[in-house]
């Protein structure tokens, strides 16, 4: 997940809904790692973005 965040452009994050963007990716990753023996899920409750001394919370 950290690699996905690092690879995302600041414009992509700021122009969209970051919480939805990262929630969708987390669900995709959890689904990819799940199997018949284990089910992985995720939940993102809040996001803080610190960029150029500006803080955005979603």
Protein backbone atom coordinates (compact mmCIF):
# COMPACT_ATOMS: atom_id res chain seq x y z
CA UNK A 1 0.00 0.00 0.00
CA UNK A 2 2.84 2.38 0.84
CA UNK A 3 4.32 1.83 -2.62
CA UNK A 4 0.95 2.73 -4.17
CA UNK A 5 0.79 5.93 -2.12
CA UNK A 6 4.37 6.81 -3.03
CA UNK A 7 3.69 6.22 -6.73
CA UNK A 8 0.48 8.28 -6.80
CA UNK A 9 0.88 11.81 -8.07
CA UNK A 10 -0.08 14.68 -5.79
CA UNK A 11 -2.52 15.90 -8.47
CA UNK A 12 -4.21 12.50 -8.60
CA UNK A 13 -4.61 12.55 -4.81
CA UNK A 14 -5.68 16.19 -4.51
CA UNK A 15 -8.05 16.22 -7.52
CA UNK A 16 -9.98 13.15 -6.40
CA UNK A 17 -11.39 11.81 -3.18
CA UNK A 18 -8.25 10.44 -1.49
CA UNK A 19 -10.23 8.37 1.00
CA UNK A 20 -12.13 6.61 -1.80
CA UNK A 21 -8.99 6.24 -3.91
CA UNK A 22 -7.03 4.56 -1.12
CA UNK A 23 -10.00 2.55 0.18
CA UNK A 24 -10.53 1.06 -3.27
CA UNK A 25 -6.84 0.17 -3.60
CA UNK A 26 -6.75 -1.34 -0.09
CA UNK A 27 -9.79 -3.49 -0.91
CA UNK A 28 -8.13 -4.62 -4.14
CA UNK A 29 -4.92 -5.56 -2.32
CA UNK A 30 -6.83 -7.36 0.45
CA UNK A 31 -8.80 -9.34 -2.13
CA UNK A 32 -5.60 -10.28 -3.98
CA UNK A 33 -4.01 -11.56 -0.75
CA UNK A 34 -7.07 -13.45 0.47
CA UNK A 35 -7.50 -17.19 -0.05
CA UNK A 36 -9.84 -19.99 0.95
CA UNK A 37 -8.04 -20.21 4.30
CA UNK A 38 -7.93 -16.51 5.15
CA UNK A 39 -10.03 -13.49 4.29
CA UNK A 40 -8.32 -10.11 4.56
CA UNK A 41 -10.26 -6.87 4.74
CA UNK A 42 -9.42 -3.23 5.29
CA UNK A 43 -11.02 -0.03 6.51
CA UNK A 44 -9.69 3.51 6.22
CA UNK A 45 -11.30 5.82 8.74
CA UNK A 46 -9.42 9.03 7.97
CA UNK A 47 -6.60 10.40 5.86
CA UNK A 48 -4.28 13.29 6.61
CA UNK A 49 -2.28 14.75 3.75
CA UNK A 50 0.60 17.06 4.53
CA UNK A 51 1.95 18.89 1.51
CA UNK A 52 3.67 22.25 1.26
CA UNK A 53 2.63 23.14 4.82
CA UNK A 54 -1.04 22.53 4.03
CA UNK A 55 -2.99 19.81 5.82
CA UNK A 56 -6.02 18.15 4.30
CA UNK A 57 -8.11 15.71 6.35
CA UNK A 58 -10.76 13.49 4.79
